[in-house]
């Protein structure tokens, strides 16, 4: 399935949460902190008020409880508003 975000929306794929600490301790899935980083998959055209400042392939950080979850080809994605993106990870 292909999805094209509208207006000031951005489609992102969540990064995987760490399953093991640096010292080798395995973190059970129930105790893992939900990651707030993702990779941009597709972008909308923006609006007159909100310009899109990310591009496909950028790694970003976003607000913790933002976005609309969607499943595309069995994988979890989020549709975020541009204002929910707080940083680009370089």
N, C-alpha and C. Protein backbone atom coordinates (compact mmCIF):
# COMPACT_ATOMS: atom_id res chain seq x y z
N UNK A 1 0.85 -1.17 0.00
CA UNK A 1 0.00 0.00 0.00
C UNK A 1 0.90 1.24 0.00
N UNK A 2 0.50 2.23 -0.75
CA UNK A 2 1.22 3.50 -0.78
C UNK A 2 0.37 4.57 -0.13
N UNK A 3 1.00 5.42 0.65
CA UNK A 3 0.27 6.46 1.39
C UNK A 3 0.95 7.79 1.14
N UNK A 4 0.17 8.80 0.74
CA UNK A 4 0.70 10.14 0.50
C UNK A 4 0.05 11.09 1.50
N UNK A 5 0.83 11.63 2.45
CA UNK A 5 0.27 12.56 3.44
C UNK A 5 -0.23 13.84 2.77
N UNK A 6 -1.25 14.44 3.37
CA UNK A 6 -1.81 15.68 2.86
C UNK A 6 -1.39 16.86 3.73
N UNK A 7 -1.45 18.05 3.17
CA UNK A 7 -1.20 19.33 3.87
C UNK A 7 0.12 19.29 4.62
N UNK A 8 0.10 19.54 5.94
CA UNK A 8 1.33 19.63 6.73
C UNK A 8 1.62 18.34 7.48
N UNK A 9 1.23 17.21 6.90
CA UNK A 9 1.43 15.91 7.55
C UNK A 9 2.69 15.24 7.02
N UNK A 10 3.29 14.37 7.87
CA UNK A 10 4.51 13.64 7.52
C UNK A 10 4.32 12.19 7.94
N UNK A 11 4.61 11.25 7.05
CA UNK A 11 4.55 9.82 7.36
C UNK A 11 5.92 9.37 7.80
N UNK A 12 6.00 8.74 8.99
CA UNK A 12 7.27 8.28 9.52
C UNK A 12 7.18 6.82 9.94
N UNK A 13 8.32 6.15 9.95
CA UNK A 13 8.43 4.78 10.44
C UNK A 13 9.22 4.83 11.73
N UNK A 14 8.63 4.31 12.80
CA UNK A 14 9.28 4.33 14.11
C UNK A 14 10.57 3.54 14.11
N UNK A 15 11.57 4.05 14.83
CA UNK A 15 12.80 3.31 15.04
C UNK A 15 12.53 2.22 16.07
N UNK A 16 13.25 1.14 15.99
CA UNK A 16 13.09 0.04 16.93
C UNK A 16 13.64 0.43 18.30
N UNK A 17 12.94 0.00 19.35
CA UNK A 17 13.39 0.25 20.72
C UNK A 17 14.54 -0.70 21.05
N UNK A 18 15.44 -0.23 21.89
CA UNK A 18 16.56 -1.06 22.32
C UNK A 18 16.03 -2.25 23.12
N UNK A 19 16.53 -3.45 22.81
CA UNK A 19 16.09 -4.64 23.53
C UNK A 19 17.15 -5.13 24.51
N UNK A 20 18.32 -4.49 24.48
CA UNK A 20 19.41 -4.91 25.35
C UNK A 20 20.21 -3.69 25.79
N UNK A 21 20.63 -3.67 27.06
CA UNK A 21 21.44 -2.56 27.54
C UNK A 21 22.88 -2.75 27.06
N UNK A 22 23.71 -1.72 27.24
CA UNK A 22 25.10 -1.81 26.82
C UNK A 22 25.84 -2.90 27.58
N UNK A 23 25.40 -3.20 28.81
CA UNK A 23 26.07 -4.24 29.60
C UNK A 23 25.52 -5.63 29.29
N UNK A 24 24.52 -5.73 28.39
CA UNK A 24 24.02 -7.03 27.96
C UNK A 24 22.73 -7.49 28.62
N UNK A 25 22.14 -6.67 29.47
CA UNK A 25 20.89 -7.05 30.12
C UNK A 25 19.76 -6.91 29.11
N UNK A 26 18.95 -7.96 28.98
CA UNK A 26 17.83 -7.94 28.03
C UNK A 26 16.65 -7.23 28.68
N UNK A 27 16.07 -6.28 27.96
CA UNK A 27 14.93 -5.50 28.45
C UNK A 27 13.66 -6.14 27.91
N UNK A 28 12.74 -6.61 28.79
CA UNK A 28 11.49 -7.18 28.27
C UNK A 28 10.66 -6.12 27.55
N UNK A 29 9.87 -6.55 26.58
CA UNK A 29 9.10 -5.61 25.76
C UNK A 29 8.18 -4.73 26.60
N UNK A 30 7.60 -5.28 27.67
CA UNK A 30 6.68 -4.51 28.51
C UNK A 30 7.39 -3.36 29.22
N UNK A 31 8.70 -3.47 29.45
CA UNK A 31 9.45 -2.45 30.19
C UNK A 31 10.18 -1.47 29.27
N UNK A 32 10.12 -1.70 27.97
CA UNK A 32 10.84 -0.83 27.04
C UNK A 32 10.15 0.52 26.92
N UNK A 33 10.94 1.56 26.94
CA UNK A 33 10.43 2.92 26.72
C UNK A 33 10.11 3.05 25.23
N UNK A 34 8.94 3.56 24.92
CA UNK A 34 8.60 3.78 23.52
C UNK A 34 9.53 4.83 22.93
N UNK A 35 10.11 4.51 21.82
CA UNK A 35 11.03 5.43 21.18
C UNK A 35 10.29 6.63 20.63
N UNK A 36 10.95 7.75 20.60
CA UNK A 36 10.37 8.97 20.05
C UNK A 36 11.19 9.45 18.87
N UNK A 37 11.86 8.50 18.22
CA UNK A 37 12.60 8.82 17.01
C UNK A 37 12.04 7.98 15.87
N UNK A 38 12.15 8.52 14.67
CA UNK A 38 11.60 7.84 13.50
C UNK A 38 12.31 8.33 12.25
N UNK A 39 12.06 7.63 11.14
CA UNK A 39 12.61 8.01 9.85
C UNK A 39 11.45 8.47 8.96
N UNK A 40 11.64 9.60 8.30
CA UNK A 40 10.61 10.15 7.43
C UNK A 40 10.49 9.28 6.17
N UNK A 41 9.26 8.84 5.87
CA UNK A 41 8.99 7.99 4.72
C UNK A 41 8.38 8.81 3.58
N UNK A 42 7.45 9.69 3.91
CA UNK A 42 6.78 10.52 2.89
C UNK A 42 6.35 11.84 3.54
N UNK A 43 6.24 12.87 2.73
CA UNK A 43 5.84 14.19 3.24
C UNK A 43 4.70 14.76 2.41
N UNK A 44 3.88 15.58 3.06
CA UNK A 44 2.83 16.31 2.36
C UNK A 44 3.41 17.57 1.74
N UNK A 45 2.60 18.31 0.99
CA UNK A 45 3.09 19.51 0.30
C UNK A 45 3.26 20.72 1.22
N UNK A 46 2.72 20.66 2.45
CA UNK A 46 2.76 21.82 3.33
C UNK A 46 1.57 22.73 3.07
N UNK A 47 1.48 23.79 3.85
CA UNK A 47 0.41 24.78 3.68
C UNK A 47 1.04 26.16 3.64
N UNK A 48 0.23 27.19 3.43
CA UNK A 48 0.75 28.55 3.44
C UNK A 48 1.27 28.92 4.83
N UNK A 49 0.65 28.38 5.88
CA UNK A 49 1.04 28.71 7.25
C UNK A 49 2.18 27.82 7.76
N UNK A 50 2.21 26.55 7.33
CA UNK A 50 3.19 25.59 7.84
C UNK A 50 3.98 25.02 6.68
N UNK A 51 5.27 25.31 6.65
CA UNK A 51 6.16 24.79 5.61
C UNK A 51 6.77 23.47 6.08
N UNK A 52 6.97 22.55 5.17
CA UNK A 52 7.61 21.27 5.48
C UNK A 52 9.12 21.49 5.46
N UNK A 53 9.77 21.21 6.59
CA UNK A 53 11.21 21.45 6.70
C UNK A 53 12.02 20.17 6.82
N UNK A 54 11.37 19.02 6.63
CA UNK A 54 12.08 17.74 6.63
C UNK A 54 11.97 17.14 5.23
N UNK A 55 12.81 16.15 4.95
CA UNK A 55 12.72 15.48 3.66
C UNK A 55 12.74 13.97 3.90
N UNK A 56 12.36 13.22 2.90
CA UNK A 56 12.34 11.77 3.02
C UNK A 56 13.74 11.27 3.37
N UNK A 57 13.79 10.33 4.33
CA UNK A 57 15.06 9.76 4.77
C UNK A 57 15.63 10.42 6.01
N UNK A 58 15.13 11.61 6.39
CA UNK A 58 15.60 12.27 7.62
C UNK A 58 15.19 11.47 8.85
N UNK A 59 16.07 11.42 9.85
CA UNK A 59 15.71 10.86 11.16
C UNK A 59 15.28 12.02 12.02
N UNK A 60 14.14 11.86 12.70
CA UNK A 60 13.55 12.96 13.46
C UNK A 60 13.20 12.52 14.88
N UNK A 61 13.01 13.50 15.75
CA UNK A 61 12.44 13.29 17.08
C UNK A 61 11.08 13.97 17.08
N UNK A 62 10.10 13.35 17.77
CA UNK A 62 8.76 13.91 17.78
C UNK A 62 8.17 13.86 19.18
N UNK A 63 7.12 14.66 19.41
CA UNK A 63 6.44 14.68 20.70
C UNK A 63 5.91 13.29 21.04
N UNK A 64 5.98 12.93 22.32
CA UNK A 64 5.70 11.57 22.77
C UNK A 64 4.32 11.04 22.39
N UNK A 65 3.26 11.79 22.59
CA UNK A 65 1.91 11.26 22.38
C UNK A 65 1.26 11.80 21.11
N UNK A 66 2.05 12.14 20.13
CA UNK A 66 1.50 12.74 18.91
C UNK A 66 1.35 11.70 17.81
N UNK A 67 0.60 12.07 16.81
CA UNK A 67 0.50 11.24 15.62
C UNK A 67 -0.67 10.28 15.60
N UNK A 68 -0.95 9.79 14.41
CA UNK A 68 -1.98 8.79 14.18
C UNK A 68 -1.29 7.52 13.72
N UNK A 69 -1.40 6.43 14.51
CA UNK A 69 -0.74 5.18 14.10
C UNK A 69 -1.44 4.54 12.90
N UNK A 70 -0.66 4.04 11.96
CA UNK A 70 -1.17 3.29 10.81
C UNK A 70 -0.26 2.10 10.56
N UNK A 71 -0.83 1.05 9.99
CA UNK A 71 -0.06 -0.14 9.65
C UNK A 71 0.00 -0.22 8.12
N UNK A 72 1.22 -0.24 7.58
CA UNK A 72 1.43 -0.31 6.14
C UNK A 72 2.27 -1.54 5.85
N UNK A 73 1.72 -2.45 5.07
CA UNK A 73 2.40 -3.71 4.74
C UNK A 73 2.89 -4.43 5.98
N UNK A 74 2.09 -4.42 7.05
CA UNK A 74 2.42 -5.13 8.28
C UNK A 74 3.39 -4.41 9.19
N UNK A 75 3.81 -3.20 8.84
CA UNK A 75 4.76 -2.46 9.67
C UNK A 75 4.09 -1.21 10.24
N UNK A 76 4.46 -0.87 11.50
CA UNK A 76 3.88 0.28 12.18
C UNK A 76 4.50 1.59 11.69
N UNK A 77 3.64 2.56 11.40
CA UNK A 77 4.04 3.90 10.99
C UNK A 77 3.20 4.91 11.77
N UNK A 78 3.58 6.17 11.68
CA UNK A 78 2.81 7.26 12.27
C UNK A 78 2.63 8.36 11.24
N UNK A 79 1.46 9.00 11.28
CA UNK A 79 1.26 10.22 10.50
C UNK A 79 1.29 11.37 11.50
N UNK A 80 2.30 12.23 11.37
CA UNK A 80 2.51 13.34 12.29
C UNK A 80 2.20 14.66 11.60
N UNK A 81 1.82 15.65 12.38
CA UNK A 81 1.76 17.01 11.86
C UNK A 81 3.18 17.58 11.94
N UNK A 82 3.52 18.47 11.03
CA UNK A 82 4.85 19.06 11.01
C UNK A 82 5.19 19.70 12.35
N UNK A 83 4.20 20.31 13.03
CA UNK A 83 4.44 20.96 14.32
C UNK A 83 4.79 19.98 15.44
N UNK A 84 4.50 18.67 15.27
CA UNK A 84 4.83 17.67 16.28
C UNK A 84 6.30 17.23 16.20
N UNK A 85 6.97 17.56 15.11
CA UNK A 85 8.39 17.20 14.95
C UNK A 85 9.22 18.25 15.66
N UNK A 86 10.07 17.79 16.61
CA UNK A 86 10.83 18.73 17.42
C UNK A 86 12.28 18.88 16.98
N UNK A 87 12.83 17.89 16.23
CA UNK A 87 14.23 17.99 15.84
C UNK A 87 14.53 17.03 14.70
N UNK A 88 15.58 17.35 13.95
CA UNK A 88 16.16 16.45 12.96
C UNK A 88 17.44 15.91 13.56
N UNK A 89 17.61 14.61 13.52
CA UNK A 89 18.82 13.97 14.07
C UNK A 89 19.86 13.89 12.95
N UNK A 90 21.04 14.47 13.20
CA UNK A 90 22.11 14.44 12.18
C UNK A 90 23.15 13.41 12.54
